[in-house]
Amino acid sequence: MPGTGARDDSAASPASADSGRELKFALPHGRVDAARRWLDAICRRDPQFPAAVVWTIYYDTPDLASLGEKINSDYLKRKIRLRWYAGITGTPSGPAFVEAKSRVGTRRAKVRVQVPYAAESLAGWDLQDPRLRSLPLLLREHGVVVQDLWQPVLRIRYRRDRFIEPASRARVSLDAEIAAAAVSPRIRSAADNTAMAGGVLEVKGASEALPLALRPLLQLGARKCSYSKFLAAYAHATRRAI
């Protein structure tokens, strides 16, 4: 069972903060395609990254403290992950990044560092590859306090479509087809790697309210929530009720 206590080995001192607001909405099964069509009609695609498959390895401590913070909705939450990208139908390519994210109450902060391995290489490693354990230590040079207790525990993949809402300039991401591609054996020897139903909408901007142009998405069943892909994929893959 994930632990809940604060630890000195966490990503406790982020070097930079994200001052924007982030809203998350869960989309029910069967509504993702309709939401994507609506966003294509009222928004413009992100000019640099319109759509991609996102690959993420999540790290945690031996007692799964990061998961415990999410399960218990702790005031302090910490997350360390490794991320790379692929085209919608292509193979992984380009750089990869190790990231530390923290939340203290409503204040969020994020540090991102490029790792010395390309996405094509990382895609072929399993979660027990010893090189993966050294990557969070790259965050130290950027003010993040992290020790080598953090280990890779879960690799997920999902489709991400990115948009910009013209009036508010809010950045919108629609994530769907979220699946656990690999789970550490210390969590579970066999895991469900099927994609989860539904999706999640993330809106980042200056306002705490959903932009007016996006509010019709609520009629599709979009429900405001504090969604964690790490926690959702963990629960789905291990078939554990959270």
Protein backbone atom coordinates (compact mmCIF):
# COMPACT_ATOMS: atom_id res chain seq x y z
CA MET A 1 0.00 0.00 0.00
CA PRO A 2 1.43 3.43 -0.90
CA GLY A 3 2.94 5.37 1.97
CA THR A 4 1.73 8.79 3.00
CA GLY A 5 4.49 10.48 4.99
CA ALA A 6 6.65 13.37 3.84
CA ARG A 7 10.20 12.41 2.86
CA ASP A 8 13.52 14.24 2.51
CA ASP A 9 14.28 12.38 -0.74
CA SER A 10 11.46 14.03 -2.67
CA ALA A 11 11.38 16.65 -5.38
CA ALA A 12 10.97 19.24 -2.66
CA SER A 13 12.65 22.33 -4.07
CA PRO A 14 11.55 23.02 -7.64
CA ALA A 15 13.63 25.60 -9.44
CA SER A 16 10.81 27.19 -11.41
CA ALA A 17 7.08 27.67 -11.00
CA ASP A 18 4.14 27.49 -13.40
CA SER A 19 1.94 30.46 -12.52
CA GLY A 20 -0.87 29.54 -14.93
CA ARG A 21 -4.13 27.87 -13.91
CA GLU A 22 -4.77 24.26 -14.83
CA LEU A 23 -8.29 22.84 -15.05
CA LYS A 24 -8.99 19.15 -15.62
CA PHE A 25 -12.19 17.51 -16.82
CA ALA A 26 -12.92 13.80 -17.16
CA LEU A 27 -14.75 12.75 -20.33
CA PRO A 28 -17.04 9.69 -20.21
CA HIS A 29 -16.71 6.69 -22.48
CA GLY A 30 -17.93 7.34 -26.02
CA ARG A 31 -17.55 11.13 -25.88
CA VAL A 32 -13.87 11.56 -26.72
CA ASP A 33 -14.31 11.61 -30.52
CA ALA A 34 -17.14 14.14 -30.26
CA ALA A 35 -15.02 16.33 -27.99
CA ARG A 36 -12.12 16.17 -30.45
CA ARG A 37 -14.38 17.19 -33.34
CA TRP A 38 -15.77 20.08 -31.30
CA LEU A 39 -12.29 21.31 -30.38
CA ASP A 40 -11.23 21.11 -34.02
CA ALA A 41 -14.24 23.28 -34.92
CA ILE A 42 -13.79 26.06 -32.34
CA CYS A 43 -10.04 26.04 -31.66
CA ARG A 44 -6.92 25.96 -33.75
CA ARG A 45 -4.46 23.13 -33.52
CA ASP A 46 -1.22 23.81 -31.70
CA PRO A 47 1.10 24.85 -34.56
CA GLN A 48 4.12 22.98 -33.21
CA PHE A 49 2.63 19.88 -31.56
CA PRO A 50 -0.89 19.26 -32.93
CA ALA A 51 -1.07 15.58 -31.98
CA ALA A 52 1.22 12.90 -30.62
CA VAL A 53 1.49 9.70 -28.66
CA VAL A 54 2.97 10.47 -25.25
CA TRP A 55 5.10 7.90 -23.43
CA THR A 56 5.74 8.43 -19.71
CA ILE A 57 7.61 6.47 -17.07
CA TYR A 58 6.55 7.36 -13.53
CA TYR A 59 8.96 6.99 -10.63
CA ASP A 60 8.16 6.37 -6.98
CA THR A 61 9.85 5.52 -3.68
CA PRO A 62 10.00 1.94 -2.31
CA ASP A 63 6.87 2.58 -0.21
CA LEU A 64 5.07 4.28 -3.13
CA ALA A 65 4.89 7.63 -1.34
CA SER A 66 4.00 9.60 -4.49
CA LEU A 67 0.97 7.40 -5.17
CA GLY A 68 0.02 7.66 -1.51
CA GLU A 69 -0.03 11.46 -1.70
CA LYS A 70 -2.48 11.29 -4.60
CA ILE A 71 -4.71 8.66 -3.01
CA ASN A 72 -4.96 10.68 0.20
CA SER A 73 -5.18 14.10 -1.55
CA ASP A 74 -2.26 15.39 0.51
CA TYR A 75 -1.57 19.12 0.62
CA LEU A 76 1.93 18.39 -0.67
CA LYS A 77 2.15 16.24 -3.78
CA ARG A 78 5.30 15.28 -5.67
CA LYS A 79 5.87 13.50 -8.98
CA ILE A 80 8.94 12.48 -10.98
CA ARG A 81 8.55 11.18 -14.51
CA LEU A 82 10.43 10.54 -17.75
CA ARG A 83 8.68 11.53 -20.96
CA TRP A 84 9.14 11.19 -24.72
CA TYR A 85 6.90 11.43 -27.79
CA ALA A 86 5.94 9.68 -31.01
CA GLY A 87 3.79 10.51 -33.99
CA ILE A 88 0.21 9.26 -33.98
CA THR A 89 1.12 6.30 -36.19
CA GLY A 90 4.91 6.45 -36.00
CA THR A 91 7.73 5.32 -33.75
CA PRO A 92 9.22 7.36 -30.88
CA SER A 93 11.66 10.05 -31.98
CA GLY A 94 13.33 13.20 -30.73
CA PRO A 95 14.55 14.14 -27.25
CA ALA A 96 13.30 12.87 -23.90
CA PHE A 97 12.92 14.75 -20.63
CA VAL A 98 12.95 13.96 -16.93
CA GLU A 99 10.53 16.14 -14.99
CA ALA A 100 9.78 16.95 -11.36
CA LYS A 101 6.37 18.37 -10.54
CA SER A 102 5.16 19.47 -7.14
CA ARG A 103 1.99 20.96 -5.74
CA VAL A 104 1.67 22.73 -2.41
CA GLY A 105 -2.03 23.46 -1.97
CA THR A 106 -2.96 25.16 -5.26
CA ARG A 107 0.57 26.28 -6.13
CA ARG A 108 2.24 24.20 -8.83
CA ALA A 109 5.88 24.04 -9.90
CA LYS A 110 7.70 22.08 -12.59
CA VAL A 111 11.32 21.46 -13.56
CA ARG A 112 12.20 19.79 -16.86
CA VAL A 113 15.64 18.52 -17.97
CA GLN A 114 16.60 16.86 -21.26
CA VAL A 115 18.23 13.46 -20.75
CA PRO A 116 21.26 12.18 -22.72
CA TYR A 117 19.24 9.45 -24.47
CA ALA A 118 16.96 9.74 -27.47
CA ALA A 119 13.36 8.58 -27.44
CA GLU A 120 14.21 5.76 -29.85
CA SER A 121 16.61 4.27 -27.30
CA LEU A 122 14.41 4.70 -24.23
CA ALA A 123 11.47 3.03 -25.95
CA GLY A 124 13.40 -0.25 -26.01
CA TRP A 125 14.33 -0.31 -22.31
CA ASP A 126 12.35 -2.22 -19.71
CA LEU A 127 11.59 -0.75 -16.31
CA GLN A 128 14.42 -2.71 -14.69
CA ASP A 129 17.11 -1.11 -16.86
CA PRO A 130 19.62 0.38 -14.36
CA ARG A 131 20.17 3.44 -16.54
CA LEU A 132 16.63 4.61 -15.81
CA ARG A 133 17.34 4.94 -12.08
CA SER A 134 20.10 7.50 -12.68
CA LEU A 135 18.00 9.93 -14.72
CA PRO A 136 16.12 11.68 -11.85
CA LEU A 137 19.50 12.66 -10.41
CA LEU A 138 19.91 15.06 -13.36
CA LEU A 139 17.33 17.27 -11.63
CA ARG A 140 19.78 18.07 -8.82
CA GLU A 141 21.63 20.60 -10.97
CA HIS A 142 18.37 22.52 -11.31
CA GLY A 143 17.57 22.86 -7.63
CA VAL A 144 15.49 19.73 -7.13
CA VAL A 145 16.36 17.70 -4.04
CA VAL A 146 16.14 14.06 -5.13
CA GLN A 147 17.96 10.94 -3.97
CA ASP A 148 18.33 7.56 -5.64
CA LEU A 149 15.36 5.98 -3.86
CA TRP A 150 13.09 6.94 -6.74
CA GLN A 151 12.61 3.96 -9.06
CA PRO A 152 10.60 3.46 -12.28
CA VAL A 153 7.30 1.76 -11.45
CA LEU A 154 4.88 2.38 -14.32
CA ARG A 155 5.08 3.19 -18.05
CA ILE A 156 1.99 4.54 -19.75
CA ARG A 157 1.07 5.70 -23.23
CA TYR A 158 -1.78 7.87 -24.49
CA ARG A 159 -2.85 9.98 -27.43
CA ARG A 160 -2.69 13.75 -26.91
CA ASP A 161 -4.35 16.32 -29.19
CA ARG A 162 -3.31 19.94 -28.50
CA PHE A 163 -5.32 23.07 -29.27
CA ILE A 164 -5.31 26.81 -28.60
CA GLU A 165 -8.62 28.52 -27.83
CA PRO A 166 -8.40 31.80 -29.82
CA ALA A 167 -10.33 34.18 -27.53
CA SER A 168 -8.75 33.30 -24.19
CA ARG A 169 -5.46 31.95 -25.59
CA ALA A 170 -5.93 28.97 -23.25
CA ARG A 171 -3.94 25.86 -24.14
CA VAL A 172 -6.11 22.76 -24.37
CA SER A 173 -5.02 19.12 -24.36
CA LEU A 174 -7.30 16.16 -24.97
CA ASP A 175 -5.78 12.91 -23.69
CA ALA A 176 -7.32 9.53 -24.51
CA GLU A 177 -6.50 5.86 -25.09
CA ILE A 178 -4.58 5.91 -21.80
CA ALA A 179 -2.97 2.53 -21.09
CA ALA A 180 -0.29 1.03 -18.89
CA ALA A 181 2.36 -0.41 -21.20
CA ALA A 182 4.48 -1.84 -18.37
CA VAL A 183 4.28 -2.23 -14.59
CA SER A 184 7.19 -2.92 -12.24
CA PRO A 185 7.14 -6.54 -10.97
CA ARG A 186 7.44 -5.26 -7.41
CA ILE A 187 3.92 -3.82 -7.81
CA ARG A 188 2.30 -6.63 -9.79
CA SER A 189 3.59 -9.60 -11.76
CA ALA A 190 0.80 -9.39 -14.36
CA ALA A 191 -1.08 -6.24 -15.33
CA ASP A 192 -3.99 -5.13 -17.49
CA ASN A 193 -2.51 -3.16 -20.41
CA THR A 194 -5.80 -2.37 -22.16
CA ALA A 195 -6.69 1.28 -22.71
CA MET A 196 -9.03 2.95 -20.26
CA ALA A 197 -12.40 4.20 -21.45
CA GLY A 198 -13.00 7.91 -21.73
CA GLY A 199 -10.38 10.64 -21.57
CA VAL A 200 -9.25 13.76 -19.79
CA LEU A 201 -9.32 17.39 -20.91
CA GLU A 202 -6.67 19.78 -19.55
CA VAL A 203 -7.08 23.54 -19.94
CA LYS A 204 -4.19 25.84 -19.01
CA GLY A 205 -4.63 29.59 -18.95
CA ALA A 206 -5.00 32.68 -16.80
CA SER A 207 -8.52 32.05 -15.54
CA GLU A 208 -9.92 29.68 -12.91
CA ALA A 209 -13.06 29.29 -15.03
CA LEU A 210 -13.52 27.30 -18.22
CA PRO A 211 -13.36 29.67 -21.23
CA LEU A 212 -16.81 30.52 -22.59
CA ALA A 213 -16.14 28.94 -25.98
CA LEU A 214 -15.30 25.61 -24.32
CA ARG A 215 -18.36 25.37 -22.08
CA PRO A 216 -20.42 23.33 -24.59
CA LEU A 217 -18.02 20.48 -23.73
CA LEU A 218 -19.86 20.24 -20.41
CA GLN A 219 -22.90 19.11 -22.38
CA LEU A 220 -20.84 16.13 -23.56
CA GLY A 221 -20.44 15.07 -19.96
CA ALA A 222 -17.07 16.69 -19.19
CA ARG A 223 -16.79 16.72 -15.39
CA LYS A 224 -14.32 18.87 -13.48
CA CYS A 225 -11.94 16.74 -11.40
CA SER A 226 -8.40 16.39 -10.08
CA TYR A 227 -7.35 13.65 -12.49
CA SER A 228 -3.99 11.87 -12.15
CA LYS A 229 -2.95 9.63 -15.05
CA PHE A 230 -0.38 7.99 -12.76
CA LEU A 231 -3.04 7.04 -10.22
CA ALA A 232 -5.71 6.13 -12.81
CA ALA A 233 -3.35 3.93 -14.83
CA TYR A 234 -2.03 2.28 -11.67
CA ALA A 235 -5.56 1.44 -10.49
CA HIS A 236 -6.62 0.16 -13.93
CA ALA A 237 -3.48 -1.90 -14.55
CA THR A 238 -3.47 -3.52 -11.10
CA ARG A 239 -7.26 -3.79 -10.79
CA ARG A 240 -7.07 -2.15 -7.38
CA ALA A 241 -9.90 0.04 -6.17
CA ILE A 242 -8.72 3.53 -5.17
